Structure formats: C-alpha cells, structure tokens
Amino acid sequence: MIMSKLANAITAFVAGTAVGAAVGILYAPEEGNKTRDKLTYRLSKLKDKVTQLTEELTQGKEEITSEAKIQGKKVVGDLEARVKDLNKEFEELTKQIRKD
C-alpha cells in the first residue's frame, strides 16, 4: 500500500516535471517562437516518418501475405501429389496381399 502510494507520487512528480519542462520550452520568451517552430518542424518530420513506416509495413504485410499464399499452394500441391502416390502404392500392396 505504501509502495503503491510512493510509486504514484513519483510517477506524478516525473509527469509534472516533464509537462512543466515542455510548457517552459514552448513558452520561453523570445526564443520560444524559434523553439516552437523547431518543435513543429520536428513533429511534422516525425509524422511524415511514421506515415512512411506505416505504408512500408502495410506493403510488406501484403508482400508477405502474397508469398505465403504462393508457398501454401505449392505445399498443398506437393501434398496432393504425395497422397496420390501413397494411394497408388496402397492399392498395389492391397492387390498383392489379395493375390497371395
């Protein structure tokens, strides 16, 4: 109980400090305009990068899905051929057993 209260207090302190620092940077006199412009520019670049990564991940997902479908079809085809071969072998063995 005491530990959770302490953890909550520490979390609140750290969060408050972070928010205070961010507000201080954003609203600093004179240089604040430059700071806000830099932050806006960096956030814009970060947004662009996240958008690009999202598009790349989506494209990669589609490529992986397509490749998985192709490989799956190959595996199914190979298994079907193997099952047919095994059925033929089974039928031949059954015929030989019946002859004997």
PDB file of N, CA and C in Angstrom:
ATOM      1  N   MET A   1       0.826  -1.194   0.000  1.00  0.00           N
ATOM      2  CA  MET A   1       0.000   0.000   0.000  1.00  0.00           C
ATOM      3  C   MET A   1       0.871   1.258   0.000  1.00  0.00           C
ATOM      4  N   ILE A   2       1.851   1.275   0.883  1.00  0.00           N
ATOM      5  CA  ILE A   2       2.741   2.427   0.961  1.00  0.00           C
ATOM      6  C   ILE A   2       3.573   2.523  -0.309  1.00  0.00           C
ATOM      7  N   MET A   3       4.022   1.364  -0.815  1.00  0.00           N
ATOM      8  CA  MET A   3       4.840   1.352  -2.028  1.00  0.00           C
ATOM      9  C   MET A   3       4.045   1.870  -3.227  1.00  0.00           C
ATOM     10  N   SER A   4       2.766   1.496  -3.316  1.00  0.00           N
ATOM     11  CA  SER A   4       1.976   1.963  -4.452  1.00  0.00           C
ATOM     12  C   SER A   4       1.727   3.468  -4.356  1.00  0.00           C
ATOM     13  N   LYS A   5       1.544   3.987  -3.139  1.00  0.00           N
ATOM     14  CA  LYS A   5       1.380   5.435  -2.971  1.00  0.00           C
ATOM     15  C   LYS A   5       2.664   6.157  -3.353  1.00  0.00           C
ATOM     16  N   LEU A   6       3.798   5.580  -2.942  1.00  0.00           N
ATOM     17  CA  LEU A   6       5.086   6.171  -3.282  1.00  0.00           C
ATOM     18  C   LEU A   6       5.304   6.134  -4.793  1.00  0.00           C
ATOM     19  N   ALA A   7       4.973   5.009  -5.406  1.00  0.00           N
ATOM     20  CA  ALA A   7       5.116   4.881  -6.860  1.00  0.00           C
ATOM     21  C   ALA A   7       4.223   5.893  -7.573  1.00  0.00           C
ATOM     22  N   ASN A   8       2.994   6.053  -7.077  1.00  0.00           N
ATOM     23  CA  ASN A   8       2.082   7.034  -7.670  1.00  0.00           C
ATOM     24  C   ASN A   8       2.628   8.449  -7.520  1.00  0.00           C
ATOM     25  N   ALA A   9       3.187   8.751  -6.355  1.00  0.00           N
ATOM     26  CA  ALA A   9       3.743  10.081  -6.112  1.00  0.00           C
ATOM     27  C   ALA A   9       4.935  10.345  -7.024  1.00  0.00           C
ATOM     28  N   ILE A  10       5.801   9.349  -7.159  1.00  0.00           N
ATOM     29  CA  ILE A  10       6.972   9.504  -8.033  1.00  0.00           C
ATOM     30  C   ILE A  10       6.532   9.675  -9.481  1.00  0.00           C
ATOM     31  N   THR A  11       5.562   8.876  -9.904  1.00  0.00           N
ATOM     32  CA  THR A  11       5.043   8.984 -11.266  1.00  0.00           C
ATOM     33  C   THR A  11       4.450  10.366 -11.511  1.00  0.00           C
ATOM     34  N   ALA A  12       3.661  10.852 -10.556  1.00  0.00           N
ATOM     35  CA  ALA A  12       3.060  12.180 -10.686  1.00  0.00           C
ATOM     36  C   ALA A  12       4.137  13.259 -10.747  1.00  0.00           C
ATOM     37  N   PHE A  13       5.175  13.122  -9.918  1.00  0.00           N
ATOM     38  CA  PHE A  13       6.261  14.100  -9.908  1.00  0.00           C
ATOM     39  C   PHE A  13       6.982  14.125 -11.253  1.00  0.00           C
ATOM     40  N   VAL A  14       7.316  12.937 -11.759  1.00  0.00           N
ATOM     41  CA  VAL A  14       8.025  12.853 -13.043  1.00  0.00           C
ATOM     42  C   VAL A  14       7.156  13.402 -14.168  1.00  0.00           C
ATOM     43  N   ALA A  15       5.875  13.036 -14.182  1.00  0.00           N
ATOM     44  CA  ALA A  15       4.968  13.528 -15.221  1.00  0.00           C
ATOM     45  C   ALA A  15       4.829  15.044 -15.135  1.00  0.00           C
ATOM     46  N   GLY A  16       4.686  15.558 -13.928  1.00  0.00           N
ATOM     47  CA  GLY A  16       4.573  17.005 -13.736  1.00  0.00           C
ATOM     48  C   GLY A  16       5.819  17.735 -14.194  1.00  0.00           C
ATOM     49  N   THR A  17       6.977  17.153 -13.880  1.00  0.00           N
ATOM     50  CA  THR A  17       8.238  17.756 -14.304  1.00  0.00           C
ATOM     51  C   THR A  17       8.336  17.781 -15.825  1.00  0.00           C
ATOM     52  N   ALA A  18       7.960  16.676 -16.459  1.00  0.00           N
ATOM     53  CA  ALA A  18       8.023  16.602 -17.921  1.00  0.00           C
ATOM     54  C   ALA A  18       7.083  17.616 -18.559  1.00  0.00           C
ATOM     55  N   VAL A  19       5.867  17.698 -18.047  1.00  0.00           N
ATOM     56  CA  VAL A  19       4.901  18.655 -18.592  1.00  0.00           C
ATOM     57  C   VAL A  19       5.393  20.079 -18.358  1.00  0.00           C
ATOM     58  N   GLY A  20       5.907  20.348 -17.166  1.00  0.00           N
ATOM     59  CA  GLY A  20       6.425  21.682 -16.856  1.00  0.00           C
ATOM     60  C   GLY A  20       7.575  22.066 -17.766  1.00  0.00           C
ATOM     61  N   ALA A  21       8.471  21.129 -18.006  1.00  0.00           N
ATOM     62  CA  ALA A  21       9.606  21.403 -18.889  1.00  0.00           C
ATOM     63  C   ALA A  21       9.128  21.674 -20.312  1.00  0.00           C
ATOM     64  N   ALA A  22       8.179  20.882 -20.782  1.00  0.00           N
ATOM     65  CA  ALA A  22       7.655  21.074 -22.138  1.00  0.00           C
ATOM     66  C   ALA A  22       6.975  22.430 -22.266  1.00  0.00           C
ATOM     67  N   VAL A  23       6.161  22.785 -21.274  1.00  0.00           N
ATOM     68  CA  VAL A  23       5.485  24.081 -21.302  1.00  0.00           C
ATOM     69  C   VAL A  23       6.515  25.202 -21.236  1.00  0.00           C
ATOM     70  N   GLY A  24       7.531  25.033 -20.392  1.00  0.00           N
ATOM     71  CA  GLY A  24       8.585  26.040 -20.278  1.00  0.00           C
ATOM     72  C   GLY A  24       9.317  26.248 -21.585  1.00  0.00           C
ATOM     73  N   ILE A  25       9.609  25.159 -22.275  1.00  0.00           N
ATOM     74  CA  ILE A  25      10.299  25.267 -23.567  1.00  0.00           C
ATOM     75  C   ILE A  25       9.398  25.935 -24.600  1.00  0.00           C
ATOM     76  N   LEU A  26       8.137  25.523 -24.613  1.00  0.00           N
ATOM     77  CA  LEU A  26       7.220  26.057 -25.615  1.00  0.00           C
ATOM     78  C   LEU A  26       6.921  27.541 -25.419  1.00  0.00           C
ATOM     79  N   TYR A  27       6.889  27.985 -24.182  1.00  0.00           N
ATOM     80  CA  TYR A  27       6.514  29.368 -23.905  1.00  0.00           C
ATOM     81  C   TYR A  27       7.664  30.217 -23.383  1.00  0.00           C
ATOM     82  N   ALA A  28       8.885  29.836 -23.664  1.00  0.00           N
ATOM     83  CA  ALA A  28      10.046  30.626 -23.257  1.00  0.00           C
ATOM     84  C   ALA A  28      10.031  31.955 -24.014  1.00  0.00           C
ATOM     85  N   PRO A  29      10.412  33.063 -23.346  1.00  0.00           N
ATOM     86  CA  PRO A  29      10.378  34.370 -24.017  1.00  0.00           C
ATOM     87  C   PRO A  29      11.367  34.451 -25.179  1.00  0.00           C
ATOM     88  N   GLU A  30      11.000  35.165 -26.174  1.00  0.00           N
ATOM     89  CA  GLU A  30      11.768  35.453 -27.379  1.00  0.00           C
ATOM     90  C   GLU A  30      12.183  34.199 -28.140  1.00  0.00           C
ATOM     91  N   GLU A  31      13.010  33.395 -27.546  1.00  0.00           N
ATOM     92  CA  GLU A  31      13.467  32.181 -28.220  1.00  0.00           C
ATOM     93  C   GLU A  31      12.339  31.158 -28.328  1.00  0.00           C
ATOM     94  N   GLY A  32      11.249  31.412 -27.650  1.00  0.00           N
ATOM     95  CA  GLY A  32      10.117  30.486 -27.680  1.00  0.00           C
ATOM     96  C   GLY A  32       9.558  30.298 -29.070  1.00  0.00           C
ATOM     97  N   ASN A  33       9.508  31.379 -29.835  1.00  0.00           N
ATOM     98  CA  ASN A  33       8.998  31.263 -31.207  1.00  0.00           C
ATOM     99  C   ASN A  33       9.863  30.313 -32.017  1.00  0.00           C
ATOM    100  N   LYS A  34      11.159  30.484 -31.883  1.00  0.00           N
ATOM    101  CA  LYS A  34      12.077  29.596 -32.597  1.00  0.00           C
ATOM    102  C   LYS A  34      11.927  28.168 -32.091  1.00  0.00           C
ATOM    103  N   THR A  35      11.795  28.036 -30.771  1.00  0.00           N
ATOM    104  CA  THR A  35      11.642  26.706 -30.179  1.00  0.00           C
ATOM    105  C   THR A  35      10.367  26.050 -30.675  1.00  0.00           C
ATOM    106  N   ARG A  36       9.270  26.810 -30.672  1.00  0.00           N
ATOM    107  CA  ARG A  36       8.002  26.256 -31.161  1.00  0.00           C
ATOM    108  C   ARG A  36       8.101  25.886 -32.637  1.00  0.00           C
ATOM    109  N   ASP A  37       8.763  26.724 -33.417  1.00  0.00           N
ATOM    110  CA  ASP A  37       8.946  26.411 -34.838  1.00  0.00           C
ATOM    111  C   ASP A  37       9.750  25.128 -35.021  1.00  0.00           C
ATOM    112  N   LYS A  38      10.813  24.985 -34.229  1.00  0.00           N
ATOM    113  CA  LYS A  38      11.628  23.766 -34.313  1.00  0.00           C
ATOM    114  C   LYS A  38      10.814  22.545 -33.914  1.00  0.00           C
ATOM    115  N   LEU A  39      10.052  22.681 -32.812  1.00  0.00           N
ATOM    116  CA  LEU A  39       9.234  21.549 -32.370  1.00  0.00           C
ATOM    117  C   LEU A  39       8.181  21.201 -33.415  1.00  0.00           C
ATOM    118  N   THR A  40       7.558  22.221 -33.989  1.00  0.00           N
ATOM    119  CA  THR A  40       6.553  21.981 -35.028  1.00  0.00           C
ATOM    120  C   THR A  40       7.177  21.281 -36.229  1.00  0.00           C
ATOM    121  N   TYR A  41       8.345  21.753 -36.641  1.00  0.00           N
ATOM    122  CA  TYR A  41       9.051  21.149 -37.771  1.00  0.00           C
ATOM    123  C   TYR A  41       9.406  19.697 -37.467  1.00  0.00           C
ATOM    124  N   ARG A  42       9.959  19.468 -36.268  1.00  0.00           N
ATOM    125  CA  ARG A  42      10.358  18.103 -35.901  1.00  0.00           C
ATOM    126  C   ARG A  42       9.152  17.185 -35.799  1.00  0.00           C
ATOM    127  N   LEU A  43       8.048  17.689 -35.238  1.00  0.00           N
ATOM    128  CA  LEU A  43       6.838  16.874 -35.157  1.00  0.00           C
ATOM    129  C   LEU A  43       6.299  16.563 -36.549  1.00  0.00           C
ATOM    130  N   SER A  44       6.390  17.532 -37.447  1.00  0.00           N
ATOM    131  CA  SER A  44       5.951  17.305 -38.823  1.00  0.00           C
ATOM    132  C   SER A  44       6.800  16.223 -39.489  1.00  0.00           C
ATOM    133  N   LYS A  45       8.120  16.313 -39.303  1.00  0.00           N
ATOM    134  CA  LYS A  45       9.024  15.296 -39.863  1.00  0.00           C
ATOM    135  C   LYS A  45       8.736  13.929 -39.247  1.00  0.00           C
ATOM    136  N   LEU A  46       8.494  13.915 -37.930  1.00  0.00           N
ATOM    137  CA  LEU A  46       8.196  12.657 -37.246  1.00  0.00           C
ATOM    138  C   LEU A  46       6.899  12.061 -37.780  1.00  0.00           C
ATOM    139  N   LYS A  47       5.895  12.913 -37.989  1.00  0.00           N
ATOM    140  CA  LYS A  47       4.622  12.442 -38.543  1.00  0.00           C
ATOM    141  C   LYS A  47       4.833  11.846 -39.932  1.00  0.00           C
ATOM    142  N   ASP A  48       5.632  12.534 -40.761  1.00  0.00           N
ATOM    143  CA  ASP A  48       5.927  12.019 -42.101  1.00  0.00           C
ATOM    144  C   ASP A  48       6.630  10.670 -42.034  1.00  0.00           C
ATOM    145  N   LYS A  49       7.574  10.551 -41.114  1.00  0.00           N
ATOM    146  CA  LYS A  49       8.323   9.303 -40.976  1.00  0.00           C
ATOM    147  C   LYS A  49       7.410   8.170 -40.510  1.00  0.00           C
ATOM    148  N   VAL A  50       6.516   8.462 -39.562  1.00  0.00           N
ATOM    149  CA  VAL A  50       5.571   7.446 -39.082  1.00  0.00           C
ATOM    150  C   VAL A  50       4.635   7.027 -40.209  1.00  0.00           C
ATOM    151  N   THR A  51       4.174   7.995 -40.990  1.00  0.00           N
ATOM    152  CA  THR A  51       3.305   7.681 -42.129  1.00  0.00           C
ATOM    153  C   THR A  51       4.030   6.791 -43.134  1.00  0.00           C
ATOM    154  N   GLN A  52       5.284   7.131 -43.427  1.00  0.00           N
ATOM    155  CA  GLN A  52       6.075   6.336 -44.365  1.00  0.00           C
ATOM    156  C   GLN A  52       6.284   4.920 -43.834  1.00  0.00           C
ATOM    157  N   LEU A  53       6.624   4.801 -42.560  1.00  0.00           N
ATOM    158  CA  LEU A  53       6.833   3.475 -41.975  1.00  0.00           C
ATOM    159  C   LEU A  53       5.550   2.660 -41.994  1.00  0.00           C
ATOM    160  N   THR A  54       4.422   3.314 -41.730  1.00  0.00           N
ATOM    161  CA  THR A  54       3.137   2.619 -41.769  1.00  0.00           C
ATOM    162  C   THR A  54       2.861   2.082 -43.168  1.00  0.00           C
ATOM    163  N   GLU A  55       3.136   2.909 -44.178  1.00  0.00           N
ATOM    164  CA  GLU A  55       2.935   2.467 -45.564  1.00  0.00           C
ATOM    165  C   GLU A  55       3.865   1.308 -45.913  1.00  0.00           C
ATOM    166  N   GLU A  56       5.125   1.392 -45.472  1.00  0.00           N
ATOM    167  CA  GLU A  56       6.077   0.315 -45.742  1.00  0.00           C
ATOM    168  C   GLU A  56       5.648  -0.978 -45.058  1.00  0.00           C
ATOM    169  N   LEU A  57       5.169  -0.864 -43.823  1.00  0.00           N
ATOM    170  CA  LEU A  57       4.716  -2.059 -43.112  1.00  0.00           C
ATOM    171  C   LEU A  57       3.503  -2.671 -43.792  1.00  0.00           C
ATOM    172  N   THR A  58       2.588  -1.821 -44.242  1.00  0.00           N
ATOM    173  CA  THR A  58       1.401  -2.322 -44.940  1.00  0.00           C
ATOM    174  C   THR A  58       1.804  -3.028 -46.227  1.00  0.00           C
ATOM    175  N   GLN A  59       2.717  -2.412 -46.981  1.00  0.00           N
ATOM    176  CA  GLN A  59       3.182  -3.025 -48.226  1.00  0.00           C
ATOM    177  C   GLN A  59       3.912  -4.334 -47.927  1.00  0.00           C
ATOM    178  N   GLY A  60       4.751  -4.331 -46.905  1.00  0.00           N
ATOM    179  CA  GLY A  60       5.472  -5.543 -46.526  1.00  0.00           C
ATOM    180  C   GLY A  60       4.521  -6.648 -46.117  1.00  0.00           C
ATOM    181  N   LYS A  61       3.466  -6.270 -45.401  1.00  0.00           N
ATOM    182  CA  LYS A  61       2.463  -7.249 -44.979  1.00  0.00           C
ATOM    183  C   LYS A  61       1.798  -7.880 -46.194  1.00  0.00           C
ATOM    184  N   GLU A  62       1.463  -7.046 -47.183  1.00  0.00           N
ATOM    185  CA  GLU A  62       0.826  -7.561 -48.397  1.00  0.00           C
ATOM    186  C   GLU A  62       1.766  -8.496 -49.150  1.00  0.00           C
ATOM    187  N   GLU A  63       3.049  -8.135 -49.222  1.00  0.00           N
ATOM    188  CA  GLU A  63       4.024  -8.982 -49.912  1.00  0.00           C
ATOM    189  C   GLU A  63       4.187 -10.314 -49.184  1.00  0.00           C
ATOM    190  N   ILE A  64       4.257 -10.256 -47.864  1.00  0.00           N
ATOM    191  CA  ILE A  64       4.406 -11.480 -47.077  1.00  0.00           C
ATOM    192  C   ILE A  64       3.176 -12.354 -47.237  1.00  0.00           C
ATOM    193  N   THR A  65       1.994 -11.733 -47.197  1.00  0.00           N
ATOM    194  CA  THR A  65       0.757 -12.490 -47.358  1.00  0.00           C
ATOM    195  C   THR A  65       0.711 -13.150 -48.729  1.00  0.00           C
ATOM    196  N   SER A  66       1.085 -12.411 -49.757  1.00  0.00           N
ATOM    197  CA  SER A  66       1.095 -12.951 -51.116  1.00  0.00           C
ATOM    198  C   SER A  66       2.072 -14.116 -51.225  1.00  0.00           C
ATOM    199  N   GLU A  67       3.269 -13.940 -50.689  1.00  0.00           N
ATOM    200  CA  GLU A  67       4.279 -15.001 -50.723  1.00  0.00           C
ATOM    201  C   GLU A  67       3.807 -16.225 -49.940  1.00  0.00           C
ATOM    202  N   ALA A  68       3.155 -15.985 -48.805  1.00  0.00           N
ATOM    203  CA  ALA A  68       2.649 -17.100 -48.001  1.00  0.00           C
ATOM    204  C   ALA A  68       1.587 -17.885 -48.771  1.00  0.00           C
ATOM    205  N   LYS A  69       0.733 -17.175 -49.501  1.00  0.00           N
ATOM    206  CA  LYS A  69      -0.285 -17.856 -50.305  1.00  0.00           C
ATOM    207  C   LYS A  69       0.362 -18.718 -51.381  1.00  0.00           C
ATOM    208  N   ILE A  70       1.374 -18.168 -52.040  1.00  0.00           N
ATOM    209  CA  ILE A  70       2.076 -18.918 -53.093  1.00  0.00           C
ATOM    210  C   ILE A  70       2.719 -20.167 -52.505  1.00  0.00           C
ATOM    211  N   GLN A  71       3.431 -19.998 -51.400  1.00  0.00           N
ATOM    212  CA  GLN A  71       4.095 -21.134 -50.766  1.00  0.00           C
ATOM    213  C   GLN A  71       3.070 -22.153 -50.270  1.00  0.00           C
ATOM    214  N   GLY A  72       1.956 -21.660 -49.732  1.00  0.00           N
ATOM    215  CA  GLY A  72       0.899 -22.560 -49.268  1.00  0.00           C
ATOM    216  C   GLY A  72       0.336 -23.397 -50.406  1.00  0.00           C
ATOM    217  N   LYS A  73       0.125 -22.769 -51.550  1.00  0.00           N
ATOM    218  CA  LYS A  73      -0.391 -23.502 -52.712  1.00  0.00           C
ATOM    219  C   LYS A  73       0.607 -24.556 -53.178  1.00  0.00           C
ATOM    220  N   LYS A  74       1.896 -24.217 -53.134  1.00  0.00           N
ATOM    221  CA  LYS A  74       2.923 -25.190 -53.520  1.00  0.00           C
ATOM    222  C   LYS A  74       2.911 -26.381 -52.573  1.00  0.00           C
ATOM    223  N   VAL A  75       2.821 -26.099 -51.284  1.00  0.00           N
ATOM    224  CA  VAL A  75       2.817 -27.178 -50.290  1.00  0.00           C
ATOM    225  C   VAL A  75       1.597 -28.064 -50.486  1.00  0.00           C
ATOM    226  N   VAL A  76       0.434 -27.449 -50.688  1.00  0.00           N
ATOM    227  CA  VAL A  76      -0.789 -28.225 -50.900  1.00  0.00           C
ATOM    228  C   VAL A  76      -0.658 -29.077 -52.155  1.00  0.00           C
ATOM    229  N   GLY A  77      -0.122 -28.501 -53.218  1.00  0.00           N
ATOM    230  CA  GLY A  77       0.073 -29.264 -54.456  1.00  0.00           C
ATOM    231  C   GLY A  77       1.007 -30.443 -54.251  1.00  0.00           C
ATOM    232  N   ASP A  78       2.109 -30.217 -53.535  1.00  0.00           N
ATOM    233  CA  ASP A  78       3.055 -31.300 -53.245  1.00  0.00           C
ATOM    234  C   ASP A  78       2.398 -32.387 -52.406  1.00  0.00           C
ATOM    235  N   LEU A  79       1.611 -31.969 -51.411  1.00  0.00           N
ATOM    236  CA  LEU A  79       0.934 -32.951 -50.557  1.00  0.00           C
ATOM    237  C   LEU A  79      -0.095 -33.752 -51.341  1.00  0.00           C
ATOM    238  N   GLU A  80      -0.827 -33.092 -52.218  1.00  0.00           N
ATOM    239  CA  GLU A  80      -1.812 -33.810 -53.032  1.00  0.00           C
ATOM    240  C   GLU A  80      -1.130 -34.856 -53.905  1.00  0.00           C
ATOM    241  N   ALA A  81      -0.009 -34.481 -54.511  1.00  0.00           N
ATOM    242  CA  ALA A  81       0.726 -35.431 -55.348  1.00  0.00           C
ATOM    243  C   ALA A  81       1.227 -36.597 -54.505  1.00  0.00           C
ATOM    244  N   ARG A  82       1.739 -36.311 -53.336  1.00  0.00           N
ATOM    245  CA  ARG A  82       2.257 -37.375 -52.455  1.00  0.00           C
ATOM    246  C   ARG A  82       1.131 -38.294 -51.995  1.00  0.00           C
ATOM    247  N   VAL A  83      -0.034 -37.730 -51.682  1.00  0.00           N
ATOM    248  CA  VAL A  83      -1.181 -38.548 -51.263  1.00  0.00           C
ATOM    249  C   VAL A  83      -1.617 -39.460 -52.407  1.00  0.00           C
ATOM    250  N   LYS A  84      -1.631 -38.952 -53.629  1.00  0.00           N
ATOM    251  CA  LYS A  84      -1.993 -39.785 -54.782  1.00  0.00           C
ATOM    252  C   LYS A  84      -1.005 -40.934 -54.944  1.00  0.00           C
ATOM    253  N   ASP A  85       0.285 -40.622 -54.792  1.00  0.00           N
ATOM    254  CA  ASP A  85       1.310 -41.670 -54.888  1.00  0.00           C
ATOM    255  C   ASP A  85       1.119 -42.721 -53.800  1.00  0.00           C
ATOM    256  N   LEU A  86       0.850 -42.271 -52.597  1.00  0.00           N
ATOM    257  CA  LEU A  86       0.648 -43.214 -51.487  1.00  0.00           C
ATOM    258  C   LEU A  86      -0.595 -44.064 -51.708  1.00  0.00           C
ATOM    259  N   ASN A  87      -1.651 -43.465 -52.247  1.00  0.00           N
ATOM    260  CA  ASN A  87      -2.864 -44.234 -52.541  1.00  0.00           C
ATOM    261  C   ASN A  87      -2.584 -45.312 -53.579  1.00  0.00           C
ATOM    262  N   LYS A  88      -1.812 -44.972 -54.612  1.00  0.00           N
ATOM    263  CA  LYS A  88      -1.454 -45.968 -55.627  1.00  0.00           C
ATOM    264  C   LYS A  88      -0.649 -47.099 -55.005  1.00  0.00           C
ATOM    265  N   GLU A  89       0.331 -46.738 -54.183  1.00  0.00           N
ATOM    266  CA  GLU A  89       1.143 -47.764 -53.518  1.00  0.00           C
ATOM    267  C   GLU A  89       0.274 -48.641 -52.622  1.00  0.00           C
ATOM    268  N   PHE A  90      -0.670 -48.033 -51.922  1.00  0.00           N
ATOM    269  CA  PHE A  90      -1.559 -48.785 -51.043  1.00  0.00           C
ATOM    270  C   PHE A  90      -2.420 -49.754 -51.851  1.00  0.00           C
ATOM    271  N   GLU A  91      -2.952 -49.269 -52.969  1.00  0.00           N
ATOM    272  CA  GLU A  91      -3.777 -50.131 -53.816  1.00  0.00           C
ATOM    273  C   GLU A  91      -2.965 -51.300 -54.366  1.00  0.00           C
ATOM    274  N   GLU A  92      -1.726 -51.043 -54.781  1.00  0.00           N
ATOM    275  CA  GLU A  92      -0.871 -52.111 -55.293  1.00  0.00           C
ATOM    276  C   GLU A  92      -0.562 -53.129 -54.203  1.00  0.00           C
ATOM    277  N   LEU A  93      -0.265 -52.653 -53.011  1.00  0.00           N
ATOM    278  CA  LEU A  93       0.005 -53.572 -51.896  1.00  0.00           C
ATOM    279  C   LEU A  93      -1.234 -54.390 -51.553  1.00  0.00           C
ATOM    280  N   THR A  94      -2.388 -53.743 -51.591  1.00  0.00           N
ATOM    281  CA  THR A  94      -3.635 -54.447 -51.301  1.00  0.00           C
ATOM    282  C   THR A  94      -3.883 -55.542 -52.336  1.00  0.00           C
ATOM    283  N   LYS A  95      -3.630 -55.244 -53.623  1.00  0.00           N
ATOM    284  CA  LYS A  95      -3.800 -56.241 -54.683  1.00  0.00           C
ATOM    285  C   LYS A  95      -2.844 -57.410 -54.481  1.00  0.00           C
ATOM    286  N   GLN A  96      -1.600 -57.126 -54.117  1.00  0.00           N
ATOM    287  CA  GLN A  96      -0.617 -58.189 -53.894  1.00  0.00           C
ATOM    288  C   GLN A  96      -1.021 -59.060 -52.716  1.00  0.00           C
ATOM    289  N   ILE A  97      -1.534 -58.452 -51.672  1.00  0.00           N
ATOM    290  CA  ILE A  97      -1.954 -59.228 -50.497  1.00  0.00           C
ATOM    291  C   ILE A  97      -3.129 -60.121 -50.860  1.00  0.00           C
ATOM    292  N   ARG A  98      -4.057 -59.649 -51.657  1.00  0.00           N
ATOM    293  CA  ARG A  98      -5.225 -60.430 -52.041  1.00  0.00           C
ATOM    294  C   ARG A  98      -4.831 -61.589 -52.952  1.00  0.00           C
ATOM    295  N   LYS A  99      -3.805 -61.390 -53.788  1.00  0.00           N
ATOM    296  CA  LYS A  99      -3.344 -62.454 -54.671  1.00  0.00           C
ATOM    297  C   LYS A  99      -2.717 -63.586 -53.874  1.00  0.00           C
ATOM    298  N   ASP A 100      -2.001 -63.219 -52.816  1.00  0.00           N
ATOM    299  CA  ASP A 100      -1.305 -64.245 -52.025  1.00  0.00           C
ATOM    300  C   ASP A 100      -2.276 -64.951 -51.176  1.00  0.00           C
TER     301      ASP A 100
END
